[in-house]
Amino acid sequence: MSTGDVSLRGVGKRFANGVLALADFSLELAAGEFVALLGSSGCGKSTVLRIVAGLDTPSTGVVQRSTAASARGTAFVFQDPTLMPWASVFDNVALPLRLAGHSRREVRPQVEAMLAAVGLKDFAEHPPATLSGGMRMRASIARALVTEPEVLLMDEPFAALDEITRARLNQDLIAWWRARQLSVMFVTHSVQEAVFLADRVLVMGARPGRVLAELKLETPQPRGAAHRNSDVFHDACRFLSDALEAAQADLA
């Protein structure tokens, strides 16, 4: 077993309709590491997350989780915030704790602290419909983090947001990740987002999904907004863009 939180070795996934989504996919997620999966639509990025989360089972290969990851668990943030429209922000964030058998009174301190951490302290009793897109995503992330997971899986969580909101949430996500010592797997189509956030970026080839390129990013965190204008940032973006172009050429 690796010393990391999650290990995938030689994982393949064939769906019931015959589609081969992944082939010989391997990945090691170290404890506290932020890994981004970058690739075109349909290359199997989301399938990898679902397998790590236990929502799907691999057809071949081995998936292992560390003792810490198994004990503290895994949380999943989807592209759609999937909030219950009839419930308040407080009750949406409290949901996983309530499902675990805790009363509303018991979870109040934990939920209120989490809402304060994501900037929603003053919106606890608001329904989701009254929130902006960025605020709804903050509520979704709060719901994931309130369980204090070891591993956080994020499937294009900021794709539907405007650039200003997305950039702010990128910086906030780095703060939440570092403060809680999370291990993160983050799916994105954005080269710039991957380079800004991740310790390591994996470029996936088209179906069946497999890793075609990898880039380790040495710039220490937290990375401020000025990093986006640096030569190091642009060089990394260029490398990953070229890798994505090569992946598309491979498909053709």
C-alpha atoms as a PDB file:
ATOM      1  CA  MET A   1       0.000   0.000   0.000  1.00  0.00           C
ATOM      2  CA  SER A   2       1.275   3.467  -0.865  1.00  0.00           C
ATOM      3  CA  THR A   3       1.789   6.095   1.811  1.00  0.00           C
ATOM      4  CA  GLY A   4      -0.777   8.325   0.105  1.00  0.00           C
ATOM      5  CA  ASP A   5      -4.506   8.611   0.655  1.00  0.00           C
ATOM      6  CA  VAL A   6      -5.663   6.995  -2.598  1.00  0.00           C
ATOM      7  CA  SER A   7      -4.012   4.570  -5.014  1.00  0.00           C
ATOM      8  CA  LEU A   8      -5.388   3.435  -8.376  1.00  0.00           C
ATOM      9  CA  ARG A   9      -3.343   0.828 -10.213  1.00  0.00           C
ATOM     10  CA  GLY A  10      -4.159  -0.473 -13.668  1.00  0.00           C
ATOM     11  CA  VAL A  11      -7.806   0.548 -13.362  1.00  0.00           C
ATOM     12  CA  GLY A  12     -10.144  -0.127 -16.262  1.00  0.00           C
ATOM     13  CA  LYS A  13     -13.859   0.562 -16.539  1.00  0.00           C
ATOM     14  CA  ARG A  14     -16.222  -0.895 -19.128  1.00  0.00           C
ATOM     15  CA  PHE A  15     -19.872   0.049 -18.801  1.00  0.00           C
ATOM     16  CA  ALA A  16     -22.816  -2.279 -19.390  1.00  0.00           C
ATOM     17  CA  ASN A  17     -23.372  -0.749 -22.847  1.00  0.00           C
ATOM     18  CA  GLY A  18     -19.890  -1.869 -23.886  1.00  0.00           C
ATOM     19  CA  VAL A  19     -18.198   1.538 -23.699  1.00  0.00           C
ATOM     20  CA  LEU A  20     -14.623   1.307 -22.406  1.00  0.00           C
ATOM     21  CA  ALA A  21     -14.231   4.487 -20.341  1.00  0.00           C
ATOM     22  CA  LEU A  22     -10.846   3.796 -18.718  1.00  0.00           C
ATOM     23  CA  ALA A  23      -7.933   1.523 -19.589  1.00  0.00           C
ATOM     24  CA  ASP A  24      -4.872   0.840 -17.417  1.00  0.00           C
ATOM     25  CA  PHE A  25      -5.367   4.063 -15.453  1.00  0.00           C
ATOM     26  CA  SER A  26      -2.981   4.566 -12.521  1.00  0.00           C
ATOM     27  CA  LEU A  27      -2.776   7.415 -10.016  1.00  0.00           C
ATOM     28  CA  GLU A  28      -1.327   8.018  -6.571  1.00  0.00           C
ATOM     29  CA  LEU A  29      -2.860  10.798  -4.471  1.00  0.00           C
ATOM     30  CA  ALA A  30      -0.480  11.653  -1.641  1.00  0.00           C
ATOM     31  CA  ALA A  31      -1.766  12.789   1.740  1.00  0.00           C
ATOM     32  CA  GLY A  32      -2.406  16.542   1.545  1.00  0.00           C
ATOM     33  CA  GLU A  33      -1.796  16.704  -2.219  1.00  0.00           C
ATOM     34  CA  PHE A  34      -3.906  18.622  -4.752  1.00  0.00           C
ATOM     35  CA  VAL A  35      -4.107  16.773  -8.084  1.00  0.00           C
ATOM     36  CA  ALA A  36      -5.983  18.132 -11.108  1.00  0.00           C
ATOM     37  CA  LEU A  37      -7.311  15.923 -13.907  1.00  0.00           C
ATOM     38  CA  LEU A  38      -7.345  17.762 -17.224  1.00  0.00           C
ATOM     39  CA  GLY A  39      -8.821  16.518 -20.479  1.00  0.00           C
ATOM     40  CA  SER A  40     -11.546  16.806 -23.082  1.00  0.00           C
ATOM     41  CA  SER A  41     -15.157  15.804 -22.476  1.00  0.00           C
ATOM     42  CA  GLY A  42     -15.699  12.067 -22.393  1.00  0.00           C
ATOM     43  CA  CYS A  43     -12.124  11.118 -21.515  1.00  0.00           C
ATOM     44  CA  GLY A  44     -13.114   9.475 -18.226  1.00  0.00           C
ATOM     45  CA  LYS A  45     -12.230  12.197 -15.689  1.00  0.00           C
ATOM     46  CA  SER A  46     -15.558  11.976 -13.879  1.00  0.00           C
ATOM     47  CA  THR A  47     -15.436   8.179 -13.991  1.00  0.00           C
ATOM     48  CA  VAL A  48     -12.133   8.290 -12.099  1.00  0.00           C
ATOM     49  CA  LEU A  49     -13.722  10.431  -9.370  1.00  0.00           C
ATOM     50  CA  ARG A  50     -16.764   8.162  -9.124  1.00  0.00           C
ATOM     51  CA  ILE A  51     -14.522   5.115  -8.711  1.00  0.00           C
ATOM     52  CA  VAL A  52     -12.461   6.840  -6.008  1.00  0.00           C
ATOM     53  CA  ALA A  53     -15.699   7.847  -4.241  1.00  0.00           C
ATOM     54  CA  GLY A  54     -17.017   4.296  -4.384  1.00  0.00           C
ATOM     55  CA  LEU A  55     -19.966   5.344  -6.569  1.00  0.00           C
ATOM     56  CA  ASP A  56     -18.679   3.075  -9.366  1.00  0.00           C
ATOM     57  CA  THR A  57     -16.623  -0.091  -9.306  1.00  0.00           C
ATOM     58  CA  PRO A  58     -13.683  -0.704 -11.656  1.00  0.00           C
ATOM     59  CA  SER A  59     -13.881  -3.541 -14.148  1.00  0.00           C
ATOM     60  CA  THR A  60     -10.172  -4.247 -13.719  1.00  0.00           C
ATOM     61  CA  GLY A  61      -7.342  -3.020 -11.526  1.00  0.00           C
ATOM     62  CA  VAL A  62      -6.969  -2.141  -7.855  1.00  0.00           C
ATOM     63  CA  VAL A  63      -8.238   0.819  -5.815  1.00  0.00           C
ATOM     64  CA  GLN A  64      -6.865   1.319  -2.292  1.00  0.00           C
ATOM     65  CA  ARG A  65      -7.425   3.972   0.364  1.00  0.00           C
ATOM     66  CA  SER A  66      -5.286   4.731   3.383  1.00  0.00           C
ATOM     67  CA  THR A  67      -6.561   4.080   6.887  1.00  0.00           C
ATOM     68  CA  ALA A  68      -7.020   7.841   7.401  1.00  0.00           C
ATOM     69  CA  ALA A  69      -8.956   8.251   4.150  1.00  0.00           C
ATOM     70  CA  SER A  70     -11.222   5.341   5.025  1.00  0.00           C
ATOM     71  CA  ALA A  71     -11.819   6.550   8.578  1.00  0.00           C
ATOM     72  CA  ARG A  72     -12.491  10.229   7.824  1.00  0.00           C
ATOM     73  CA  GLY A  73     -14.095   9.509   4.496  1.00  0.00           C
ATOM     74  CA  THR A  74     -14.445  11.112   1.118  1.00  0.00           C
ATOM     75  CA  ALA A  75     -16.615  14.069   0.118  1.00  0.00           C
ATOM     76  CA  PHE A  76     -17.803  14.861  -3.420  1.00  0.00           C
ATOM     77  CA  VAL A  77     -18.614  18.279  -4.919  1.00  0.00           C
ATOM     78  CA  PHE A  78     -20.396  18.178  -8.275  1.00  0.00           C
ATOM     79  CA  GLN A  79     -20.640  20.829 -10.999  1.00  0.00           C
ATOM     80  CA  ASP A  80     -24.275  21.408 -10.034  1.00  0.00           C
ATOM     81  CA  PRO A  81     -24.560  22.409  -6.362  1.00  0.00           C
ATOM     82  CA  THR A  82     -27.567  20.008  -6.018  1.00  0.00           C
ATOM     83  CA  LEU A  83     -29.012  21.876  -3.044  1.00  0.00           C
ATOM     84  CA  MET A  84     -32.482  21.055  -1.741  1.00  0.00           C
ATOM     85  CA  PRO A  85     -34.590  24.027  -2.919  1.00  0.00           C
ATOM     86  CA  TRP A  86     -37.128  23.715  -0.080  1.00  0.00           C
ATOM     87  CA  ALA A  87     -34.500  23.789   2.687  1.00  0.00           C
ATOM     88  CA  SER A  88     -32.474  26.641   4.119  1.00  0.00           C
ATOM     89  CA  VAL A  89     -28.754  26.975   3.533  1.00  0.00           C
ATOM     90  CA  PHE A  90     -28.228  25.794   7.123  1.00  0.00           C
ATOM     91  CA  ASP A  91     -30.256  22.637   6.580  1.00  0.00           C
ATOM     92  CA  ASN A  92     -28.570  21.916   3.259  1.00  0.00           C
ATOM     93  CA  VAL A  93     -25.139  22.087   4.857  1.00  0.00           C
ATOM     94  CA  ALA A  94     -26.322  20.077   7.878  1.00  0.00           C
ATOM     95  CA  LEU A  95     -27.740  17.270   5.700  1.00  0.00           C
ATOM     96  CA  PRO A  96     -24.833  14.759   5.869  1.00  0.00           C
ATOM     97  CA  LEU A  97     -24.606  15.176   9.647  1.00  0.00           C
ATOM     98  CA  ARG A  98     -28.360  14.764  10.040  1.00  0.00           C
ATOM     99  CA  LEU A  99     -28.273  11.634   7.868  1.00  0.00           C
ATOM    100  CA  ALA A 100     -25.622  10.293  10.241  1.00  0.00           C
ATOM    101  CA  GLY A 101     -28.183  10.497  13.045  1.00  0.00           C
ATOM    102  CA  HIS A 102     -27.366  13.822  14.713  1.00  0.00           C
ATOM    103  CA  SER A 103     -30.058  16.289  15.735  1.00  0.00           C
ATOM    104  CA  ARG A 104     -30.316  19.815  14.363  1.00  0.00           C
ATOM    105  CA  ARG A 105     -29.354  21.160  17.794  1.00  0.00           C
ATOM    106  CA  GLU A 106     -26.294  18.903  17.986  1.00  0.00           C
ATOM    107  CA  VAL A 107     -24.932  19.956  14.616  1.00  0.00           C
ATOM    108  CA  ARG A 108     -25.608  23.695  14.935  1.00  0.00           C
ATOM    109  CA  PRO A 109     -22.131  24.714  16.204  1.00  0.00           C
ATOM    110  CA  GLN A 110     -20.380  22.688  13.515  1.00  0.00           C
ATOM    111  CA  VAL A 111     -22.628  23.927  10.703  1.00  0.00           C
ATOM    112  CA  GLU A 112     -22.443  27.563  11.812  1.00  0.00           C
ATOM    113  CA  ALA A 113     -18.643  27.380  11.953  1.00  0.00           C
ATOM    114  CA  MET A 114     -18.572  25.914   8.453  1.00  0.00           C
ATOM    115  CA  LEU A 115     -20.898  28.586   7.071  1.00  0.00           C
ATOM    116  CA  ALA A 116     -18.665  31.269   8.579  1.00  0.00           C
ATOM    117  CA  ALA A 117     -15.604  29.633   7.009  1.00  0.00           C
ATOM    118  CA  VAL A 118     -17.106  29.814   3.504  1.00  0.00           C
ATOM    119  CA  GLY A 119     -18.526  33.328   3.905  1.00  0.00           C
ATOM    120  CA  LEU A 120     -22.201  32.381   4.309  1.00  0.00           C
ATOM    121  CA  LYS A 121     -22.706  33.133   8.005  1.00  0.00           C
ATOM    122  CA  ASP A 122     -25.372  35.745   7.271  1.00  0.00           C
ATOM    123  CA  PHE A 123     -27.279  33.514   4.841  1.00  0.00           C
ATOM    124  CA  ALA A 124     -27.925  30.475   7.034  1.00  0.00           C
ATOM    125  CA  GLU A 125     -31.716  30.757   6.903  1.00  0.00           C
ATOM    126  CA  HIS A 126     -31.960  31.797   3.245  1.00  0.00           C
ATOM    127  CA  PRO A 127     -33.335  29.372   0.630  1.00  0.00           C
ATOM    128  CA  PRO A 128     -30.895  28.479  -2.177  1.00  0.00           C
ATOM    129  CA  ALA A 129     -32.987  30.341  -4.775  1.00  0.00           C
ATOM    130  CA  THR A 130     -32.025  33.668  -3.174  1.00  0.00           C
ATOM    131  CA  LEU A 131     -28.283  33.020  -3.552  1.00  0.00           C
ATOM    132  CA  SER A 132     -25.968  33.796  -6.454  1.00  0.00           C
ATOM    133  CA  GLY A 133     -24.319  30.951  -8.351  1.00  0.00           C
ATOM    134  CA  GLY A 134     -21.074  31.441  -6.463  1.00  0.00           C
ATOM    135  CA  MET A 135     -22.860  31.416  -3.118  1.00  0.00           C
ATOM    136  CA  ARG A 136     -24.720  28.231  -3.984  1.00  0.00           C
ATOM    137  CA  MET A 137     -21.392  26.598  -4.814  1.00  0.00           C
ATOM    138  CA  ARG A 138     -19.993  27.800  -1.483  1.00  0.00           C
ATOM    139  CA  ALA A 139     -22.950  26.115   0.228  1.00  0.00           C
ATOM    140  CA  SER A 140     -22.257  22.899  -1.687  1.00  0.00           C
ATOM    141  CA  ILE A 141     -18.593  22.973  -0.655  1.00  0.00           C
ATOM    142  CA  ALA A 142     -19.584  23.693   2.956  1.00  0.00           C
ATOM    143  CA  ARG A 143     -21.862  20.640   2.902  1.00  0.00           C
ATOM    144  CA  ALA A 144     -18.909  18.537   1.735  1.00  0.00           C
ATOM    145  CA  LEU A 145     -16.423  19.959   4.249  1.00  0.00           C
ATOM    146  CA  VAL A 146     -18.735  19.856   7.283  1.00  0.00           C
ATOM    147  CA  THR A 147     -18.068  16.120   7.620  1.00  0.00           C
ATOM    148  CA  GLU A 148     -14.317  16.860   7.955  1.00  0.00           C
ATOM    149  CA  PRO A 149     -13.286  14.448   5.179  1.00  0.00           C
ATOM    150  CA  GLU A 150      -9.755  13.333   4.405  1.00  0.00           C
ATOM    151  CA  VAL A 151     -10.288  13.336   0.628  1.00  0.00           C
ATOM    152  CA  LEU A 152     -12.235  15.945  -1.354  1.00  0.00           C
ATOM    153  CA  LEU A 153     -13.325  15.122  -4.909  1.00  0.00           C
ATOM    154  CA  MET A 154     -14.456  18.011  -7.126  1.00  0.00           C
ATOM    155  CA  ASP A 155     -15.982  17.553 -10.577  1.00  0.00           C
ATOM    156  CA  GLU A 156     -15.739  20.868 -12.467  1.00  0.00           C
ATOM    157  CA  PRO A 157     -17.287  22.765  -9.543  1.00  0.00           C
ATOM    158  CA  PHE A 158     -16.641  26.250 -10.957  1.00  0.00           C
ATOM    159  CA  ALA A 159     -17.316  25.636 -14.657  1.00  0.00           C
ATOM    160  CA  ALA A 160     -20.666  27.475 -14.730  1.00  0.00           C
ATOM    161  CA  LEU A 161     -19.424  30.577 -12.879  1.00  0.00           C
ATOM    162  CA  ASP A 162     -18.215  33.901 -14.276  1.00  0.00           C
ATOM    163  CA  GLU A 163     -14.455  34.468 -14.350  1.00  0.00           C
ATOM    164  CA  ILE A 164     -14.354  36.894 -11.417  1.00  0.00           C
ATOM    165  CA  THR A 165     -16.341  34.565  -9.143  1.00  0.00           C
ATOM    166  CA  ARG A 166     -14.327  31.583 -10.338  1.00  0.00           C
ATOM    167  CA  ALA A 167     -11.008  33.279  -9.583  1.00  0.00           C
ATOM    168  CA  ARG A 168     -12.168  34.221  -6.082  1.00  0.00           C
ATOM    169  CA  LEU A 169     -13.336  30.672  -5.371  1.00  0.00           C
ATOM    170  CA  ASN A 170     -10.025  29.314  -6.680  1.00  0.00           C
ATOM    171  CA  GLN A 171      -8.189  31.358  -4.055  1.00  0.00           C
ATOM    172  CA  ASP A 172     -10.662  30.444  -1.324  1.00  0.00           C
ATOM    173  CA  LEU A 173     -10.407  26.752  -2.209  1.00  0.00           C
ATOM    174  CA  ILE A 174      -6.644  26.895  -1.722  1.00  0.00           C
ATOM    175  CA  ALA A 175      -7.194  28.369   1.752  1.00  0.00           C
ATOM    176  CA  TRP A 176      -9.769  25.716   2.711  1.00  0.00           C
ATOM    177  CA  TRP A 177      -7.562  22.904   1.390  1.00  0.00           C
ATOM    178  CA  ARG A 178      -4.514  24.094   3.325  1.00  0.00           C
ATOM    179  CA  ALA A 179      -6.412  24.852   6.544  1.00  0.00           C
ATOM    180  CA  ARG A 180      -8.012  21.394   6.626  1.00  0.00           C
ATOM    181  CA  GLN A 181      -5.048  19.430   5.249  1.00  0.00           C
ATOM    182  CA  LEU A 182      -7.240  17.820   2.609  1.00  0.00           C
ATOM    183  CA  SER A 183      -6.206  15.566  -0.228  1.00  0.00           C
ATOM    184  CA  VAL A 184      -7.960  16.899  -3.345  1.00  0.00           C
ATOM    185  CA  MET A 185      -8.746  15.477  -6.774  1.00  0.00           C
ATOM    186  CA  PHE A 186     -10.100  18.232  -9.019  1.00  0.00           C
ATOM    187  CA  VAL A 187     -11.538  17.745 -12.510  1.00  0.00           C
ATOM    188  CA  THR A 188     -11.440  20.727 -14.869  1.00  0.00           C
ATOM    189  CA  HIS A 189     -11.370  21.666 -18.542  1.00  0.00           C
ATOM    190  CA  SER A 190      -9.423  24.837 -17.740  1.00  0.00           C
ATOM    191  CA  VAL A 191      -5.649  24.732 -18.161  1.00  0.00           C
ATOM    192  CA  GLN A 192      -5.282  28.005 -16.237  1.00  0.00           C
ATOM    193  CA  GLU A 193      -7.375  26.757 -13.328  1.00  0.00           C
ATOM    194  CA  ALA A 194      -5.401  23.521 -13.096  1.00  0.00           C
ATOM    195  CA  VAL A 195      -2.064  25.366 -13.090  1.00  0.00           C
ATOM    196  CA  PHE A 196      -3.223  27.856 -10.456  1.00  0.00           C
ATOM    197  CA  LEU A 197      -4.642  25.279  -8.047  1.00  0.00           C
ATOM    198  CA  ALA A 198      -2.755  22.021  -8.292  1.00  0.00           C
ATOM    199  CA  ASP A 199       0.455  20.507  -7.014  1.00  0.00           C
ATOM    200  CA  ARG A 200       0.316  18.129  -9.960  1.00  0.00           C
ATOM    201  CA  VAL A 201      -1.704  18.003 -13.183  1.00  0.00           C
ATOM    202  CA  LEU A 202      -2.509  14.831 -15.128  1.00  0.00           C
ATOM    203  CA  VAL A 203      -3.543  15.171 -18.776  1.00  0.00           C
ATOM    204  CA  MET A 204      -5.917  12.415 -19.864  1.00  0.00           C
ATOM    205  CA  GLY A 205      -6.258  11.074 -23.374  1.00  0.00           C
ATOM    206  CA  ALA A 206      -9.572  10.428 -25.074  1.00  0.00           C
ATOM    207  CA  ARG A 207     -11.579   7.277 -24.437  1.00  0.00           C
ATOM    208  CA  PRO A 208     -10.476   4.919 -23.150  1.00  0.00           C
ATOM    209  CA  GLY A 209      -9.120   7.347 -20.572  1.00  0.00           C
ATOM    210  CA  ARG A 210      -5.481   7.063 -19.601  1.00  0.00           C
ATOM    211  CA  VAL A 211      -2.737   9.437 -18.471  1.00  0.00           C
ATOM    212  CA  LEU A 212      -0.788  10.894 -21.415  1.00  0.00           C
ATOM    213  CA  ALA A 213       1.188  13.601 -19.626  1.00  0.00           C
ATOM    214  CA  GLU A 214       1.956  14.800 -16.113  1.00  0.00           C
ATOM    215  CA  LEU A 215       3.257  18.102 -14.789  1.00  0.00           C
ATOM    216  CA  LYS A 216       4.443  18.778 -11.239  1.00  0.00           C
ATOM    217  CA  LEU A 217       4.047  22.419 -10.268  1.00  0.00           C
ATOM    218  CA  GLU A 218       6.795  23.634  -7.958  1.00  0.00           C
ATOM    219  CA  THR A 219       5.469  27.116  -7.122  1.00  0.00           C
ATOM    220  CA  PRO A 220       4.603  27.032  -3.403  1.00  0.00           C
ATOM    221  CA  GLN A 221       1.106  27.661  -2.131  1.00  0.00           C
ATOM    222  CA  PRO A 222      -0.701  29.860  -1.544  1.00  0.00           C
ATOM    223  CA  ARG A 223      -0.346  31.366  -5.013  1.00  0.00           C
ATOM    224  CA  GLY A 224      -1.660  34.890  -5.252  1.00  0.00           C
ATOM    225  CA  ALA A 225      -3.364  36.545  -8.208  1.00  0.00           C
ATOM    226  CA  ALA A 226      -0.003  37.873  -9.444  1.00  0.00           C
ATOM    227  CA  HIS A 227       1.123  34.309 -10.110  1.00  0.00           C
ATOM    228  CA  ARG A 228      -1.223  34.208 -13.126  1.00  0.00           C
ATOM    229  CA  ASN A 229       1.019  36.801 -14.822  1.00  0.00           C
ATOM    230  CA  SER A 230       4.313  35.037 -14.127  1.00  0.00           C
ATOM    231  CA  ASP A 231       6.528  33.304 -16.699  1.00  0.00           C
ATOM    232  CA  VAL A 232       6.341  30.093 -14.658  1.00  0.00           C
ATOM    233  CA  PHE A 233       2.539  30.133 -14.898  1.00  0.00           C
ATOM    234  CA  HIS A 234       2.543  30.771 -18.655  1.00  0.00           C
ATOM    235  CA  ASP A 235       5.186  28.103 -19.297  1.00  0.00           C
ATOM    236  CA  ALA A 236       3.116  25.532 -17.406  1.00  0.00           C
ATOM    237  CA  CYS A 237      -0.032  26.524 -19.304  1.00  0.00           C
ATOM    238  CA  ARG A 238       1.836  26.182 -22.591  1.00  0.00           C
ATOM    239  CA  PHE A 239       3.113  22.706 -21.699  1.00  0.00           C
ATOM    240  CA  LEU A 240      -0.364  21.478 -20.735  1.00  0.00           C
ATOM    241  CA  SER A 241      -2.025  23.089 -23.755  1.00  0.00           C
ATOM    242  CA  ASP A 242       0.465  21.311 -26.018  1.00  0.00           C
ATOM    243  CA  ALA A 243      -0.249  18.024 -24.198  1.00  0.00           C
ATOM    244  CA  LEU A 244      -3.990  18.488 -24.703  1.00  0.00           C
ATOM    245  CA  GLU A 245      -3.461  19.260 -28.387  1.00  0.00           C
ATOM    246  CA  ALA A 246      -1.357  16.096 -28.703  1.00  0.00           C
ATOM    247  CA  ALA A 247      -4.138  14.112 -27.032  1.00  0.00           C
ATOM    248  CA  GLN A 248      -6.627  15.417 -29.587  1.00  0.00           C
ATOM    249  CA  ALA A 249      -4.242  14.566 -32.437  1.00  0.00           C
ATOM    250  CA  ASP A 250      -3.969  11.052 -30.989  1.00  0.00           C
ATOM    251  CA  LEU A 251      -7.767  10.790 -31.126  1.00  0.00           C
ATOM    252  CA  ALA A 252      -7.824  11.910 -34.786  1.00  0.00           C
END
